[in-house]
N, C-alpha and C. Protein backbone atom coordinates (compact mmCIF):
# COMPACT_ATOMS: atom_id res chain seq x y z
N UNK A 1 249.08 -180.76 63.50
CA UNK A 1 249.15 -179.62 64.52
C UNK A 1 247.70 -179.01 64.47
N UNK A 2 247.03 -178.97 65.62
CA UNK A 2 245.65 -178.27 65.68
C UNK A 2 245.70 -176.96 66.13
N UNK A 3 244.70 -176.40 65.50
CA UNK A 3 244.47 -174.81 65.94
C UNK A 3 243.10 -174.47 65.86
N UNK A 4 242.49 -173.71 66.62
CA UNK A 4 240.95 -173.16 66.46
C UNK A 4 240.82 -172.23 65.44
N UNK A 5 239.69 -172.07 65.17
CA UNK A 5 239.54 -171.19 64.02
C UNK A 5 238.15 -170.78 64.13
N UNK A 6 237.78 -169.45 63.44
CA UNK A 6 236.50 -168.78 63.50
C UNK A 6 235.71 -169.19 62.45
N UNK A 7 234.54 -169.58 62.96
CA UNK A 7 233.45 -170.16 61.79
C UNK A 7 232.49 -169.24 61.67
N UNK A 8 232.40 -168.39 60.67
CA UNK A 8 231.47 -167.40 60.58
C UNK A 8 230.66 -167.54 59.11
N UNK A 9 229.74 -166.63 58.74
CA UNK A 9 228.97 -166.45 57.81
C UNK A 9 228.06 -167.43 57.81
N UNK A 10 227.50 -167.79 58.96
CA UNK A 10 226.43 -168.69 59.50
C UNK A 10 225.77 -168.14 60.81
N UNK A 11 224.57 -168.91 60.96
CA UNK A 11 224.10 -168.67 62.34
C UNK A 11 223.67 -170.13 62.76
N UNK A 12 222.88 -170.30 63.78
CA UNK A 12 222.62 -171.55 64.52
C UNK A 12 221.37 -172.30 64.03
N UNK A 13 221.15 -173.32 64.53
CA UNK A 13 219.66 -173.99 64.08
C UNK A 13 218.66 -173.38 64.59
N UNK A 14 218.78 -172.33 65.42
CA UNK A 14 217.75 -171.62 66.03
C UNK A 14 216.65 -171.21 64.92
N UNK A 15 217.29 -170.91 63.56
CA UNK A 15 216.47 -170.61 62.43
C UNK A 15 216.61 -171.64 61.14
N UNK A 16 215.69 -171.92 60.73
CA UNK A 16 215.89 -173.03 59.70
C UNK A 16 216.31 -172.42 58.36
N UNK A 17 217.68 -172.74 57.87
CA UNK A 17 218.16 -172.45 56.87
C UNK A 17 219.26 -173.01 56.37
N UNK A 18 219.46 -173.54 55.40
CA UNK A 18 220.45 -174.62 54.83
C UNK A 18 221.95 -174.32 55.28
N UNK A 19 222.18 -172.80 55.16
CA UNK A 19 223.34 -172.49 55.70
C UNK A 19 223.69 -172.31 57.22
N UNK A 20 222.79 -172.47 57.98
CA UNK A 20 222.96 -172.57 59.47
C UNK A 20 223.46 -173.60 60.05
N UNK A 21 224.27 -173.72 61.03
CA UNK A 21 225.09 -174.74 61.35
C UNK A 21 224.25 -175.73 62.27
N UNK A 22 224.15 -176.82 62.05
CA UNK A 22 223.44 -177.86 63.24
C UNK A 22 224.35 -178.04 64.58
N UNK A 23 223.82 -178.46 65.54
CA UNK A 23 224.59 -178.44 67.07
C UNK A 23 225.53 -179.40 66.69
N UNK A 24 225.75 -180.32 66.10
CA UNK A 24 226.81 -181.32 66.00
C UNK A 24 228.04 -180.46 65.65
N UNK A 25 228.12 -179.72 64.96
CA UNK A 25 229.07 -178.85 64.45
C UNK A 25 229.60 -177.88 65.29
N UNK A 26 228.66 -177.38 66.12
CA UNK A 26 229.00 -176.66 67.24
C UNK A 26 229.73 -177.22 68.13
N UNK A 27 229.41 -178.50 68.32
CA UNK A 27 230.07 -179.29 69.37
C UNK A 27 231.44 -179.59 69.18
N UNK A 28 231.76 -179.88 67.86
CA UNK A 28 233.11 -179.93 67.19
C UNK A 28 233.95 -178.67 67.50
N UNK A 29 233.13 -177.62 67.15
CA UNK A 29 234.08 -176.42 67.43
C UNK A 29 234.48 -176.09 68.67
N UNK A 30 233.56 -176.71 69.56
CA UNK A 30 234.03 -176.50 71.11
C UNK A 30 235.20 -177.29 71.28
N UNK A 31 235.40 -178.25 71.04
CA UNK A 31 236.39 -179.34 71.12
C UNK A 31 237.85 -178.67 70.21
N UNK A 32 237.54 -178.12 69.14
CA UNK A 32 238.62 -177.37 68.55
C UNK A 32 239.03 -176.09 69.58
N UNK A 33 238.33 -175.62 70.01
CA UNK A 33 238.39 -174.24 70.67
C UNK A 33 238.17 -173.05 69.93
N UNK A 34 237.80 -173.13 68.77
CA UNK A 34 237.23 -172.04 68.09
C UNK A 34 236.23 -171.24 68.64
N UNK A 35 235.76 -170.47 67.70
CA UNK A 35 234.70 -169.27 67.90
C UNK A 35 233.74 -169.20 66.87
N UNK A 36 232.39 -169.28 67.18
CA UNK A 36 231.31 -169.27 66.12
C UNK A 36 230.94 -167.80 66.00
N UNK A 37 230.87 -167.21 64.91
CA UNK A 37 230.51 -165.98 64.74
C UNK A 37 229.21 -165.90 64.17
N UNK A 38 228.33 -165.35 65.07
CA UNK A 38 226.82 -165.49 64.72
C UNK A 38 226.68 -164.18 63.63
N UNK A 39 225.96 -164.69 62.63
CA UNK A 39 225.46 -163.77 61.59
C UNK A 39 224.66 -162.96 61.80
N UNK A 40 224.35 -161.67 61.30
CA UNK A 40 223.48 -160.71 61.26
C UNK A 40 222.90 -160.79 59.85
N UNK A 41 223.00 -161.63 58.94
CA UNK A 41 222.13 -161.74 57.84
C UNK A 41 220.95 -162.15 58.13
N UNK A 42 219.81 -161.28 57.62
CA UNK A 42 218.52 -161.18 57.87
C UNK A 42 217.77 -162.97 57.59
N UNK A 43 218.38 -163.22 56.45
CA UNK A 43 217.69 -164.79 56.20
C UNK A 43 218.10 -165.84 56.98
N UNK A 44 219.53 -165.75 57.84
CA UNK A 44 219.91 -166.73 58.48
C UNK A 44 219.55 -166.28 59.91
N UNK A 45 219.21 -165.23 60.34
CA UNK A 45 218.72 -164.90 61.64
C UNK A 45 217.29 -165.52 61.71
N UNK A 46 216.44 -165.04 60.80
CA UNK A 46 215.11 -165.55 60.70
C UNK A 46 214.38 -164.80 59.75
N UNK A 47 214.18 -165.25 58.55
CA UNK A 47 213.46 -164.62 57.56
C UNK A 47 212.26 -164.22 57.81
N UNK A 48 211.41 -164.80 58.69
CA UNK A 48 210.27 -164.12 59.16
C UNK A 48 210.16 -163.19 60.34
N UNK A 49 211.27 -163.17 60.97
CA UNK A 49 211.36 -162.18 62.12
C UNK A 49 212.79 -161.84 62.29
N UNK A 50 213.38 -161.12 61.47
CA UNK A 50 214.86 -160.57 61.60
C UNK A 50 214.88 -159.59 62.45
N UNK A 51 215.18 -159.84 63.69
CA UNK A 51 215.36 -158.77 64.62
C UNK A 51 216.33 -158.86 65.67
N UNK A 52 216.78 -158.01 66.16
CA UNK A 52 217.88 -157.95 67.55
C UNK A 52 217.73 -159.00 68.22
N UNK A 53 216.36 -159.37 68.80
CA UNK A 53 215.85 -160.44 69.62
C UNK A 53 216.09 -161.77 69.04
N UNK A 54 216.20 -161.94 67.94
CA UNK A 54 216.43 -163.42 67.12
C UNK A 54 217.66 -163.76 66.95
N UNK A 55 218.64 -162.41 67.04
CA UNK A 55 220.23 -162.48 66.79
C UNK A 55 220.64 -162.91 68.23
N UNK A 56 219.97 -162.36 69.36
CA UNK A 56 220.12 -162.62 70.79
C UNK A 56 219.74 -164.23 70.95
N UNK A 57 218.79 -164.69 70.24
CA UNK A 57 218.39 -165.94 70.48
C UNK A 57 219.60 -167.06 69.78
N UNK A 58 220.04 -166.74 68.84
CA UNK A 58 221.32 -167.41 68.26
C UNK A 58 222.42 -167.41 69.17
N UNK A 59 222.88 -166.28 69.63
CA UNK A 59 223.88 -166.09 70.60
C UNK A 59 223.74 -166.92 71.80
N UNK A 60 222.45 -166.99 72.48
CA UNK A 60 222.20 -167.68 73.55
C UNK A 60 222.23 -169.03 73.31
N UNK A 61 221.66 -169.50 72.19
CA UNK A 61 221.71 -170.96 71.73
C UNK A 61 222.95 -171.51 71.72
N UNK A 62 223.94 -170.84 70.98
CA UNK A 62 225.47 -171.18 70.80
C UNK A 62 225.94 -171.25 72.09
N UNK A 63 225.97 -170.14 72.82
CA UNK A 63 226.43 -170.13 74.22
C UNK A 63 226.09 -171.20 75.05
N UNK A 64 224.81 -171.38 75.25
CA UNK A 64 224.19 -172.55 76.10
C UNK A 64 224.61 -173.91 75.65
N UNK A 65 224.95 -173.96 74.37
CA UNK A 65 225.17 -175.37 73.96
C UNK A 65 226.71 -175.64 73.95
N UNK A 66 227.78 -174.80 73.87
CA UNK A 66 229.09 -174.99 73.86
C UNK A 66 230.00 -173.83 74.63
N UNK A 67 229.11 -172.92 75.34
CA UNK A 67 229.88 -172.19 76.09
C UNK A 67 229.99 -170.81 75.46
N UNK A 68 229.92 -169.82 76.51
CA UNK A 68 230.00 -168.19 75.77
C UNK A 68 231.40 -168.05 75.29
N UNK A 69 232.44 -168.86 75.71
CA UNK A 69 233.82 -168.42 75.33
C UNK A 69 234.04 -168.99 73.92
N UNK A 70 233.06 -169.46 73.30
CA UNK A 70 232.83 -169.94 71.84
C UNK A 70 232.31 -169.00 71.10
N UNK A 71 231.66 -167.86 71.21
CA UNK A 71 230.47 -167.14 70.49
C UNK A 71 231.32 -165.69 70.27
N UNK A 72 231.03 -165.52 68.97
CA UNK A 72 231.42 -164.08 68.49
C UNK A 72 230.43 -163.34 67.70
N UNK A 73 230.76 -162.34 67.22
CA UNK A 73 229.73 -161.59 66.42
C UNK A 73 230.30 -161.58 65.04
N UNK A 74 229.57 -161.90 64.07
CA UNK A 74 229.79 -161.98 62.54
C UNK A 74 228.81 -160.76 61.73
N UNK A 75 228.86 -159.72 62.14
CA UNK A 75 227.75 -158.65 61.73
C UNK A 75 227.58 -158.61 60.26
N UNK A 76 228.58 -158.92 59.64
CA UNK A 76 228.72 -158.59 58.03
C UNK A 76 228.17 -157.36 57.44
N UNK A 77 228.35 -156.11 58.56
CA UNK A 77 227.98 -154.79 58.16
C UNK A 77 228.56 -154.42 56.67
N UNK A 78 229.85 -154.92 56.56
CA UNK A 78 230.34 -154.48 55.13
C UNK A 78 229.86 -155.30 54.15
N UNK A 79 229.02 -156.17 54.08
CA UNK A 79 228.81 -157.01 53.14
C UNK A 79 227.11 -157.40 52.82
N UNK A 80 226.45 -156.53 53.66
CA UNK A 80 225.11 -156.53 53.59
C UNK A 80 224.26 -155.29 53.69
N UNK A 81 223.24 -155.07 53.11
CA UNK A 81 222.36 -153.92 53.43
C UNK A 81 221.21 -154.29 54.25
N UNK A 82 220.81 -155.51 54.25
CA UNK A 82 219.63 -156.13 55.00
C UNK A 82 219.86 -156.73 56.48
N UNK A 83 220.30 -155.80 57.32
CA UNK A 83 220.56 -156.33 58.96
C UNK A 83 219.04 -156.47 59.53
N UNK A 84 219.11 -157.16 60.72
CA UNK A 84 218.15 -157.20 61.51
C UNK A 84 217.62 -156.09 61.84
N UNK A 85 216.31 -155.92 62.15
CA UNK A 85 215.71 -154.80 62.74
C UNK A 85 216.31 -154.46 64.27
N UNK A 86 216.46 -153.33 64.49
CA UNK A 86 217.41 -153.01 65.50
C UNK A 86 218.93 -153.41 65.67
N UNK A 87 219.47 -153.72 64.61
CA UNK A 87 221.00 -154.07 64.37
C UNK A 87 221.41 -153.29 63.12
N UNK A 88 220.87 -152.26 62.68
CA UNK A 88 221.12 -151.74 61.48
C UNK A 88 222.58 -151.19 60.96
N UNK A 89 223.28 -150.83 62.38
CA UNK A 89 224.58 -150.66 62.05
C UNK A 89 225.36 -150.67 63.66
N UNK A 90 226.79 -150.41 63.52
CA UNK A 90 227.53 -150.77 64.95
C UNK A 90 226.63 -149.95 66.15
N UNK A 91 226.28 -148.53 65.65
CA UNK A 91 225.50 -147.93 66.68
C UNK A 91 224.61 -148.48 67.53
N UNK A 92 224.13 -149.64 67.11
CA UNK A 92 223.01 -150.23 67.73
C UNK A 92 223.58 -151.31 68.51
N UNK A 93 224.74 -151.61 68.75
CA UNK A 93 225.45 -152.58 69.57
C UNK A 93 225.15 -152.32 70.92
N UNK A 94 225.06 -151.30 71.57
CA UNK A 94 224.36 -151.10 72.97
C UNK A 94 223.35 -151.85 73.35
N UNK A 95 222.04 -151.89 72.29
CA UNK A 95 220.97 -152.55 72.24
C UNK A 95 221.20 -154.10 72.42
N UNK A 96 222.05 -154.55 71.67
CA UNK A 96 222.34 -155.97 71.90
C UNK A 96 223.04 -156.24 72.97
N UNK A 97 223.99 -155.56 73.51
CA UNK A 97 224.54 -155.71 74.61
C UNK A 97 223.41 -155.79 76.03
N UNK A 98 222.43 -154.87 75.95
CA UNK A 98 221.57 -154.64 76.79
C UNK A 98 220.46 -155.82 76.62
N UNK A 99 220.16 -156.35 75.51
CA UNK A 99 219.35 -157.78 75.50
C UNK A 99 219.96 -158.90 76.18
N UNK A 100 221.55 -158.96 75.75
CA UNK A 100 222.12 -159.90 76.56
C UNK A 100 222.30 -159.95 77.96
N UNK A 101 222.54 -158.81 78.59
CA UNK A 101 222.54 -158.81 80.02
C UNK A 101 221.20 -159.09 80.50
N UNK A 102 220.06 -158.50 79.80
CA UNK A 102 218.84 -158.60 80.33
C UNK A 102 218.33 -160.38 80.54
N UNK A 103 218.99 -161.04 79.56
CA UNK A 103 218.72 -162.48 79.43
C UNK A 103 219.64 -163.11 80.63
N UNK A 104 220.55 -162.46 81.21
CA UNK A 104 221.35 -163.12 82.40
C UNK A 104 222.83 -163.28 81.98
N UNK A 105 223.22 -162.93 80.75
CA UNK A 105 224.82 -163.17 80.60
C UNK A 105 225.43 -162.34 81.54
N UNK A 106 226.65 -162.75 81.85
CA UNK A 106 227.62 -161.99 82.72
C UNK A 106 228.16 -161.08 81.78
N UNK A 107 228.66 -160.08 82.51
CA UNK A 107 229.46 -158.86 81.90
C UNK A 107 230.72 -159.55 81.09
N UNK A 108 231.23 -160.45 81.74
CA UNK A 108 232.67 -161.24 81.24
C UNK A 108 232.25 -162.09 79.89
N UNK A 109 231.21 -162.80 79.78
CA UNK A 109 230.66 -163.31 78.58
C UNK A 109 230.36 -162.48 77.45
N UNK A 110 229.82 -161.33 77.81
CA UNK A 110 229.36 -160.29 76.83
C UNK A 110 230.64 -159.73 76.36
N UNK A 111 231.47 -159.41 76.96
CA UNK A 111 232.83 -158.74 76.69
C UNK A 111 233.52 -159.84 75.39
N UNK A 112 233.56 -161.17 76.19
CA UNK A 112 234.14 -162.13 75.27
C UNK A 112 233.36 -162.20 73.90
N UNK A 113 232.08 -162.18 73.94
CA UNK A 113 231.29 -162.31 72.66
C UNK A 113 231.51 -161.01 71.78
N UNK A 114 231.87 -159.92 72.31
CA UNK A 114 232.09 -158.64 71.42
C UNK A 114 233.31 -158.67 70.96
N UNK A 115 234.31 -159.32 71.30
CA UNK A 115 235.71 -159.44 70.74
C UNK A 115 236.73 -159.98 71.23
N UNK A 116 236.53 -160.46 72.77
CA UNK A 116 237.77 -160.98 73.41
C UNK A 116 237.91 -162.51 72.79
N UNK A 117 236.85 -163.09 72.59
CA UNK A 117 237.10 -164.33 72.22
C UNK A 117 237.75 -164.68 70.62
N UNK A 118 237.40 -163.91 69.98
CA UNK A 118 238.09 -163.60 68.63
C UNK A 118 239.69 -163.44 68.65
N UNK A 119 240.04 -162.46 69.57
CA UNK A 119 241.44 -162.15 69.91
C UNK A 119 242.01 -163.34 70.50
N UNK A 120 241.35 -163.98 71.38
CA UNK A 120 241.99 -165.50 71.95
C UNK A 120 242.24 -166.27 71.00
N UNK A 121 241.22 -166.50 69.96
CA UNK A 121 241.65 -167.62 68.72
C UNK A 121 242.62 -167.01 67.98
N UNK A 122 242.86 -165.93 67.72
CA UNK A 122 244.03 -164.96 66.97
C UNK A 122 244.97 -165.44 67.56
N UNK A 123 245.08 -165.13 68.82
CA UNK A 123 246.57 -165.33 69.60
C UNK A 123 246.97 -166.78 69.38
N UNK A 124 246.05 -167.74 69.66
CA UNK A 124 246.32 -169.15 69.56
C UNK A 124 246.73 -169.51 68.13
N UNK A 125 246.23 -169.01 67.08
CA UNK A 125 246.53 -169.38 65.71
C UNK A 125 247.80 -168.77 65.55
N UNK A 126 248.36 -167.65 66.08
CA UNK A 126 249.62 -167.11 65.96
C UNK A 126 250.48 -167.84 66.68
N UNK A 127 250.09 -168.56 67.66
CA UNK A 127 250.99 -169.09 68.68
C UNK A 127 251.46 -170.64 67.95
N UNK A 128 250.44 -171.25 67.17
CA UNK A 128 250.64 -172.38 66.54
C UNK A 128 251.51 -172.05 65.24
N UNK A 129 251.36 -171.07 64.63
CA UNK A 129 251.99 -170.67 63.55
C UNK A 129 253.29 -170.65 63.76
N UNK A 130 253.85 -169.97 64.69
CA UNK A 130 255.07 -169.73 65.11
C UNK A 130 255.63 -170.91 65.52
N UNK A 131 255.15 -171.79 66.21
CA UNK A 131 255.68 -173.35 66.34
C UNK A 131 255.83 -174.12 65.12
N UNK A 132 254.94 -173.91 64.11
CA UNK A 132 255.16 -174.45 63.13
C UNK A 132 256.30 -174.17 61.98
N UNK A 133 256.46 -172.88 62.19
CA UNK A 133 257.81 -172.10 61.58
C UNK A 133 258.97 -172.61 62.21
N UNK A 134 258.91 -172.61 63.52
CA UNK A 134 260.08 -173.20 64.26
C UNK A 134 260.68 -174.45 63.97
N UNK A 135 259.48 -175.42 63.94
CA UNK A 135 259.68 -176.71 63.70
C UNK A 135 260.10 -177.08 62.03
N UNK A 136 260.00 -176.14 61.39
CA UNK A 136 260.31 -176.06 59.97
C UNK A 136 259.20 -176.70 59.09
N UNK A 137 258.10 -176.75 59.53
CA UNK A 137 256.86 -177.15 58.76
C UNK A 137 256.66 -176.33 57.35
N UNK A 138 256.52 -176.77 56.00
CA UNK A 138 256.49 -176.18 55.08
C UNK A 138 255.19 -175.39 54.85
N UNK A 139 255.15 -174.17 54.71
CA UNK A 139 253.96 -173.25 54.76
C UNK A 139 253.56 -173.41 53.04
N UNK A 140 252.32 -173.96 52.96
CA UNK A 140 251.73 -174.18 51.75
C UNK A 140 250.83 -172.93 51.60
N UNK A 141 251.01 -172.11 50.17
CA UNK A 141 250.35 -170.94 49.92
C UNK A 141 250.39 -170.81 48.29
N UNK A 142 249.35 -170.04 47.84
CA UNK A 142 249.40 -169.82 46.43
C UNK A 142 249.89 -168.50 46.22
N UNK A 143 250.24 -168.12 45.07
CA UNK A 143 250.64 -166.61 44.76
C UNK A 143 249.18 -166.18 44.23
N UNK A 144 248.83 -165.00 44.42
CA UNK A 144 247.41 -164.47 43.94
C UNK A 144 248.05 -163.07 43.08
N UNK A 145 247.60 -163.30 41.78
CA UNK A 145 247.92 -161.70 41.13
C UNK A 145 247.12 -160.62 41.74
N UNK A 146 247.74 -159.46 41.88
CA UNK A 146 247.32 -158.28 42.28
C UNK A 146 245.86 -158.26 41.24
N UNK A 147 244.90 -157.84 41.60
CA UNK A 147 243.55 -157.41 40.64
C UNK A 147 243.52 -156.27 40.30
N UNK A 148 244.32 -155.20 41.13
CA UNK A 148 244.17 -153.72 40.57
C UNK A 148 245.32 -153.53 39.48
N UNK A 149 244.87 -152.87 38.49
CA UNK A 149 245.96 -152.49 37.55
C UNK A 149 245.65 -150.81 37.27
N UNK A 150 246.38 -150.37 36.40
CA UNK A 150 246.25 -148.93 36.30
C UNK A 150 244.66 -148.49 35.75
N UNK A 151 244.26 -149.53 34.88
CA UNK A 151 242.97 -149.05 34.33
C UNK A 151 241.82 -149.13 35.34
N UNK A 152 242.05 -150.16 36.13
CA UNK A 152 240.95 -150.25 37.28
C UNK A 152 241.31 -149.05 38.43
N UNK A 153 242.42 -148.79 38.72
CA UNK A 153 242.73 -147.69 39.57
C UNK A 153 242.18 -146.35 38.96
N UNK A 154 242.37 -146.07 37.85
CA UNK A 154 241.86 -144.87 37.21
C UNK A 154 240.31 -144.67 37.16
N UNK A 155 239.54 -145.87 36.75
CA UNK A 155 238.00 -146.21 36.90
C UNK A 155 237.62 -145.74 38.46
N UNK A 156 238.23 -146.47 39.24
CA UNK A 156 237.65 -145.89 40.60
C UNK A 156 238.23 -144.55 40.97
N UNK A 157 239.09 -144.10 40.80
CA UNK A 157 239.48 -142.65 40.91
C UNK A 157 238.38 -141.70 40.22
N UNK A 158 238.08 -142.06 38.97
CA UNK A 158 236.91 -141.25 38.28
C UNK A 158 235.78 -141.43 39.13
N UNK A 159 235.32 -142.63 39.58
CA UNK A 159 234.10 -142.54 40.21
C UNK A 159 233.89 -142.26 41.59
N UNK A 160 235.20 -142.53 42.40
CA UNK A 160 235.12 -142.05 43.84
C UNK A 160 235.84 -140.79 44.16
N UNK A 161 236.75 -140.72 43.34
CA UNK A 161 237.57 -139.39 43.55
C UNK A 161 239.04 -139.67 44.16
N UNK A 162 239.07 -141.00 44.69
CA UNK A 162 240.23 -141.55 45.24
C UNK A 162 240.72 -143.06 44.71
N UNK A 163 241.61 -143.49 44.93
CA UNK A 163 241.66 -145.13 44.50
C UNK A 163 242.97 -145.76 45.50
N UNK A 164 242.95 -145.46 46.80
CA UNK A 164 243.87 -146.03 47.72
C UNK A 164 243.38 -146.94 48.52
């Protein structure tokens, strides 16, 4: 049973980096119905010109290649301190929206890129999951031991003041 997925922590072949996705992978993602989460990591955006404009280049490349219904934002704000110039934090999203609209993307495409595409994929995955459960498909998973113990909790509380 197939379901779409969100493909992230990468950018497109617009910038040469071994972690960036070649176009043939984009084509397969379109067939799958998934969403490509354009990264804001500077090295993946363009090591020599890590700017909002280059992020928009990646978004436009993916959208023109497989359709804007397959593009999302993978900002990684919680995982990097080195974001593109002009996209230092979420307060800069209006500048990205303005750049995409300036390039001729429709309001609908921009709304999809900013989150509606991800919601669509999550809805479809939820639907496939419900069907699998209904059909009695065995769900495979591993038990993961909790990493927080009292010693770690106390250390975090000492450093941050809270540990919740």
